[in-house]
Amino acid sequence: MITIQGEITQIDHIKNSFNDKLLATVKQPDKEDCFVEFRGRVMMDILRPYQVGETVIINAFIEGKKSNLSGTRYNNIVARNIKTINK
């Protein structure tokens, strides 16, 4: 489990034949962007009340995958929960 802290700068709805998720872009204190997936209806509903500009802390896990077609390896950051941080 990892913890990501920062400001939400963008929220995108990604829907295709395989997935329905929200992707939150979080600008961390070191100014690096982190892209966190909120997969499925329950997790999407958890993210919906949050707005761009809010400072949050997200607990997530890293999911490593390997493409069956190309063999490319990549990681996804998948949210488990989120809460607002008061500055």
N, C-alpha and C. Protein backbone atom coordinates (compact mmCIF):
# COMPACT_ATOMS: atom_id res chain seq x y z
N MET A 1 0.85 -1.18 0.00
CA MET A 1 0.00 0.00 0.00
C MET A 1 0.89 1.23 0.00
N ILE A 2 0.52 2.23 -0.78
CA ILE A 2 1.25 3.49 -0.83
C ILE A 2 0.31 4.64 -0.46
N THR A 3 0.89 5.77 -0.08
CA THR A 3 0.12 6.96 0.24
C THR A 3 0.55 8.09 -0.67
N ILE A 4 -0.43 8.73 -1.28
CA ILE A 4 -0.19 9.85 -2.19
C ILE A 4 -0.87 11.07 -1.59
N GLN A 5 -0.14 12.16 -1.51
CA GLN A 5 -0.68 13.39 -0.93
C GLN A 5 -0.45 14.52 -1.91
N GLY A 6 -1.46 15.37 -2.11
CA GLY A 6 -1.30 16.52 -2.99
C GLY A 6 -2.62 17.12 -3.39
N GLU A 7 -2.54 18.02 -4.36
CA GLU A 7 -3.72 18.75 -4.84
C GLU A 7 -4.26 18.10 -6.10
N ILE A 8 -5.57 17.89 -6.14
CA ILE A 8 -6.21 17.38 -7.35
C ILE A 8 -6.18 18.48 -8.41
N THR A 9 -5.58 18.20 -9.56
CA THR A 9 -5.50 19.20 -10.62
C THR A 9 -6.40 18.86 -11.81
N GLN A 10 -6.86 17.60 -11.87
CA GLN A 10 -7.72 17.20 -12.98
C GLN A 10 -8.40 15.88 -12.62
N ILE A 11 -9.65 15.72 -13.10
CA ILE A 11 -10.37 14.45 -12.96
C ILE A 11 -10.96 14.13 -14.32
N ASP A 12 -10.61 12.95 -14.86
CA ASP A 12 -11.09 12.53 -16.17
C ASP A 12 -11.89 11.24 -16.04
N HIS A 13 -12.98 11.15 -16.81
CA HIS A 13 -13.78 9.92 -16.88
C HIS A 13 -13.27 9.14 -18.09
N ILE A 14 -12.83 7.92 -17.84
CA ILE A 14 -12.32 7.06 -18.90
C ILE A 14 -13.26 5.87 -19.04
N LYS A 15 -13.85 5.76 -20.22
CA LYS A 15 -14.78 4.65 -20.46
C LYS A 15 -14.47 4.06 -21.83
N ASN A 16 -14.22 2.77 -21.84
CA ASN A 16 -14.04 2.05 -23.09
C ASN A 16 -14.66 0.67 -22.93
N SER A 17 -14.43 -0.21 -23.86
CA SER A 17 -15.05 -1.52 -23.79
C SER A 17 -14.54 -2.37 -22.63
N PHE A 18 -13.40 -1.99 -22.05
CA PHE A 18 -12.81 -2.76 -20.96
C PHE A 18 -13.02 -2.14 -19.59
N ASN A 19 -13.00 -0.80 -19.51
CA ASN A 19 -12.96 -0.12 -18.22
C ASN A 19 -13.95 1.02 -18.13
N ASP A 20 -14.36 1.30 -16.92
CA ASP A 20 -15.10 2.52 -16.58
C ASP A 20 -14.47 3.01 -15.29
N LYS A 21 -13.77 4.14 -15.37
CA LYS A 21 -13.04 4.62 -14.19
C LYS A 21 -12.88 6.12 -14.25
N LEU A 22 -12.54 6.69 -13.11
CA LEU A 22 -12.14 8.09 -13.03
C LEU A 22 -10.65 8.11 -12.78
N LEU A 23 -9.96 9.02 -13.44
CA LEU A 23 -8.52 9.16 -13.28
C LEU A 23 -8.25 10.53 -12.68
N ALA A 24 -7.75 10.55 -11.46
CA ALA A 24 -7.44 11.80 -10.77
C ALA A 24 -5.95 12.10 -10.94
N THR A 25 -5.66 13.31 -11.39
CA THR A 25 -4.28 13.78 -11.45
C THR A 25 -4.02 14.55 -10.15
N VAL A 26 -3.00 14.13 -9.43
CA VAL A 26 -2.67 14.74 -8.13
C VAL A 26 -1.27 15.32 -8.22
N LYS A 27 -1.16 16.63 -7.98
CA LYS A 27 0.14 17.32 -7.96
C LYS A 27 0.68 17.19 -6.54
N GLN A 28 1.77 16.46 -6.39
CA GLN A 28 2.38 16.20 -5.08
C GLN A 28 3.22 17.41 -4.64
N PRO A 29 3.58 17.48 -3.35
CA PRO A 29 4.36 18.61 -2.84
C PRO A 29 5.67 18.85 -3.60
N ASP A 30 6.27 17.79 -4.17
CA ASP A 30 7.51 17.95 -4.94
C ASP A 30 7.24 18.36 -6.39
N LYS A 31 5.97 18.70 -6.68
CA LYS A 31 5.51 19.17 -8.00
C LYS A 31 5.42 18.08 -9.06
N GLU A 32 5.58 16.82 -8.65
CA GLU A 32 5.40 15.70 -9.58
C GLU A 32 3.92 15.34 -9.65
N ASP A 33 3.46 14.97 -10.86
CA ASP A 33 2.08 14.52 -11.04
C ASP A 33 1.99 13.02 -10.81
N CYS A 34 0.89 12.61 -10.21
CA CYS A 34 0.59 11.19 -10.01
C CYS A 34 -0.81 10.94 -10.55
N PHE A 35 -0.99 9.90 -11.32
CA PHE A 35 -2.27 9.58 -11.93
C PHE A 35 -2.87 8.38 -11.21
N VAL A 36 -3.99 8.61 -10.51
CA VAL A 36 -4.57 7.59 -9.65
C VAL A 36 -5.92 7.16 -10.22
N GLU A 37 -6.10 5.84 -10.39
CA GLU A 37 -7.34 5.29 -10.93
C GLU A 37 -8.34 5.00 -9.82
N PHE A 38 -9.58 5.40 -10.05
CA PHE A 38 -10.72 5.04 -9.19
C PHE A 38 -11.62 4.17 -10.05
N ARG A 39 -11.49 2.86 -9.88
CA ARG A 39 -12.14 1.88 -10.75
C ARG A 39 -13.49 1.43 -10.21
N GLY A 40 -14.43 1.25 -11.12
CA GLY A 40 -15.73 0.70 -10.76
C GLY A 40 -16.63 1.73 -10.10
N ARG A 41 -17.91 1.40 -10.06
CA ARG A 41 -18.94 2.33 -9.59
C ARG A 41 -18.71 2.81 -8.16
N VAL A 42 -18.36 1.91 -7.24
CA VAL A 42 -18.19 2.30 -5.83
C VAL A 42 -17.05 3.29 -5.68
N MET A 43 -15.90 3.00 -6.27
CA MET A 43 -14.76 3.90 -6.14
C MET A 43 -14.99 5.21 -6.89
N MET A 44 -15.68 5.16 -8.01
CA MET A 44 -16.00 6.39 -8.73
C MET A 44 -16.92 7.27 -7.88
N ASP A 45 -17.89 6.66 -7.21
CA ASP A 45 -18.79 7.42 -6.33
C ASP A 45 -18.04 8.03 -5.15
N ILE A 46 -17.00 7.35 -4.67
CA ILE A 46 -16.20 7.90 -3.57
C ILE A 46 -15.45 9.16 -4.02
N LEU A 47 -14.98 9.18 -5.27
CA LEU A 47 -14.22 10.33 -5.77
C LEU A 47 -15.11 11.50 -6.17
N ARG A 48 -16.34 11.23 -6.61
CA ARG A 48 -17.20 12.28 -7.18
C ARG A 48 -17.36 13.54 -6.33
N PRO A 49 -17.47 13.48 -4.98
CA PRO A 49 -17.63 14.71 -4.21
C PRO A 49 -16.39 15.61 -4.20
N TYR A 50 -15.25 15.09 -4.57
CA TYR A 50 -14.01 15.85 -4.55
C TYR A 50 -13.90 16.72 -5.79
N GLN A 51 -13.27 17.89 -5.62
CA GLN A 51 -13.17 18.86 -6.69
C GLN A 51 -11.71 19.18 -7.00
N VAL A 52 -11.47 19.64 -8.22
CA VAL A 52 -10.15 20.14 -8.59
C VAL A 52 -9.80 21.27 -7.62
N GLY A 53 -8.57 21.26 -7.12
CA GLY A 53 -8.10 22.27 -6.18
C GLY A 53 -8.06 21.80 -4.74
N GLU A 54 -8.74 20.68 -4.44
CA GLU A 54 -8.72 20.14 -3.08
C GLU A 54 -7.40 19.41 -2.82
N THR A 55 -6.91 19.56 -1.59
CA THR A 55 -5.72 18.83 -1.16
C THR A 55 -6.19 17.56 -0.48
N VAL A 56 -5.65 16.42 -0.93
CA VAL A 56 -6.14 15.13 -0.46
C VAL A 56 -4.98 14.20 -0.11
N ILE A 57 -5.34 13.14 0.59
CA ILE A 57 -4.43 12.02 0.83
C ILE A 57 -5.15 10.77 0.32
N ILE A 58 -4.46 9.98 -0.49
CA ILE A 58 -5.05 8.79 -1.11
C ILE A 58 -4.21 7.58 -0.73
N ASN A 59 -4.86 6.54 -0.25
CA ASN A 59 -4.20 5.25 -0.06
C ASN A 59 -4.48 4.43 -1.31
N ALA A 60 -3.43 3.81 -1.84
CA ALA A 60 -3.56 3.09 -3.10
C ALA A 60 -2.60 1.91 -3.13
N PHE A 61 -2.77 1.08 -4.15
CA PHE A 61 -1.80 0.01 -4.37
C PHE A 61 -1.30 0.11 -5.80
N ILE A 62 -0.12 -0.44 -6.02
CA ILE A 62 0.47 -0.44 -7.35
C ILE A 62 0.23 -1.82 -7.96
N GLU A 63 -0.36 -1.80 -9.14
CA GLU A 63 -0.69 -3.03 -9.85
C GLU A 63 0.18 -3.13 -11.09
N GLY A 64 1.10 -4.06 -11.10
CA GLY A 64 1.97 -4.27 -12.26
C GLY A 64 1.33 -5.24 -13.23
N LYS A 65 1.43 -4.93 -14.51
CA LYS A 65 0.87 -5.80 -15.55
C LYS A 65 1.86 -5.92 -16.70
N LYS A 66 1.65 -6.96 -17.50
CA LYS A 66 2.44 -7.16 -18.71
C LYS A 66 1.45 -7.40 -19.85
N SER A 67 1.60 -6.63 -20.91
CA SER A 67 0.72 -6.75 -22.07
C SER A 67 0.91 -8.10 -22.73
N ASN A 68 -0.19 -8.81 -22.97
CA ASN A 68 -0.12 -10.09 -23.67
C ASN A 68 0.28 -9.91 -25.13
N LEU A 69 -0.06 -8.76 -25.70
CA LEU A 69 0.22 -8.53 -27.12
C LEU A 69 1.66 -8.07 -27.37
N SER A 70 2.09 -7.05 -26.63
CA SER A 70 3.41 -6.46 -26.92
C SER A 70 4.50 -6.87 -25.94
N GLY A 71 4.10 -7.38 -24.78
CA GLY A 71 5.08 -7.72 -23.76
C GLY A 71 5.51 -6.53 -22.92
N THR A 72 4.93 -5.35 -23.22
CA THR A 72 5.26 -4.15 -22.46
C THR A 72 4.82 -4.30 -21.01
N ARG A 73 5.67 -3.88 -20.10
CA ARG A 73 5.36 -3.92 -18.67
C ARG A 73 5.03 -2.52 -18.20
N TYR A 74 4.00 -2.41 -17.35
CA TYR A 74 3.61 -1.10 -16.84
C TYR A 74 2.96 -1.24 -15.48
N ASN A 75 2.83 -0.11 -14.79
CA ASN A 75 2.21 -0.08 -13.46
C ASN A 75 0.99 0.83 -13.48
N ASN A 76 -0.02 0.44 -12.72
CA ASN A 76 -1.18 1.28 -12.48
C ASN A 76 -1.22 1.60 -11.00
N ILE A 77 -1.65 2.81 -10.65
CA ILE A 77 -1.85 3.20 -9.26
C ILE A 77 -3.36 3.22 -9.04
N VAL A 78 -3.83 2.32 -8.18
CA VAL A 78 -5.27 2.10 -7.99
C VAL A 78 -5.67 2.50 -6.58
N ALA A 79 -6.62 3.43 -6.49
CA ALA A 79 -7.04 3.98 -5.19
C ALA A 79 -7.82 2.96 -4.36
N ARG A 80 -7.64 3.06 -3.05
CA ARG A 80 -8.42 2.30 -2.07
C ARG A 80 -9.30 3.21 -1.23
N ASN A 81 -8.81 4.43 -0.94
CA ASN A 81 -9.63 5.43 -0.24
C ASN A 81 -9.00 6.80 -0.42
N ILE A 82 -9.77 7.83 -0.05
CA ILE A 82 -9.34 9.21 -0.22
C ILE A 82 -9.95 10.05 0.90
N LYS A 83 -9.22 11.06 1.35
CA LYS A 83 -9.79 12.02 2.30
C LYS A 83 -9.14 13.37 2.09
N THR A 84 -9.86 14.41 2.49
CA THR A 84 -9.40 15.78 2.37
C THR A 84 -8.42 16.10 3.49
N ILE A 85 -7.40 16.89 3.14
CA ILE A 85 -6.44 17.38 4.14
C ILE A 85 -6.69 18.87 4.30
N ASN A 86 -6.85 19.30 5.52
CA ASN A 86 -6.97 20.73 5.80
C ASN A 86 -5.60 21.35 5.82
N LYS A 87 -5.42 22.40 5.06
CA LYS A 87 -4.11 23.07 4.98
C LYS A 87 -3.86 23.89 6.21
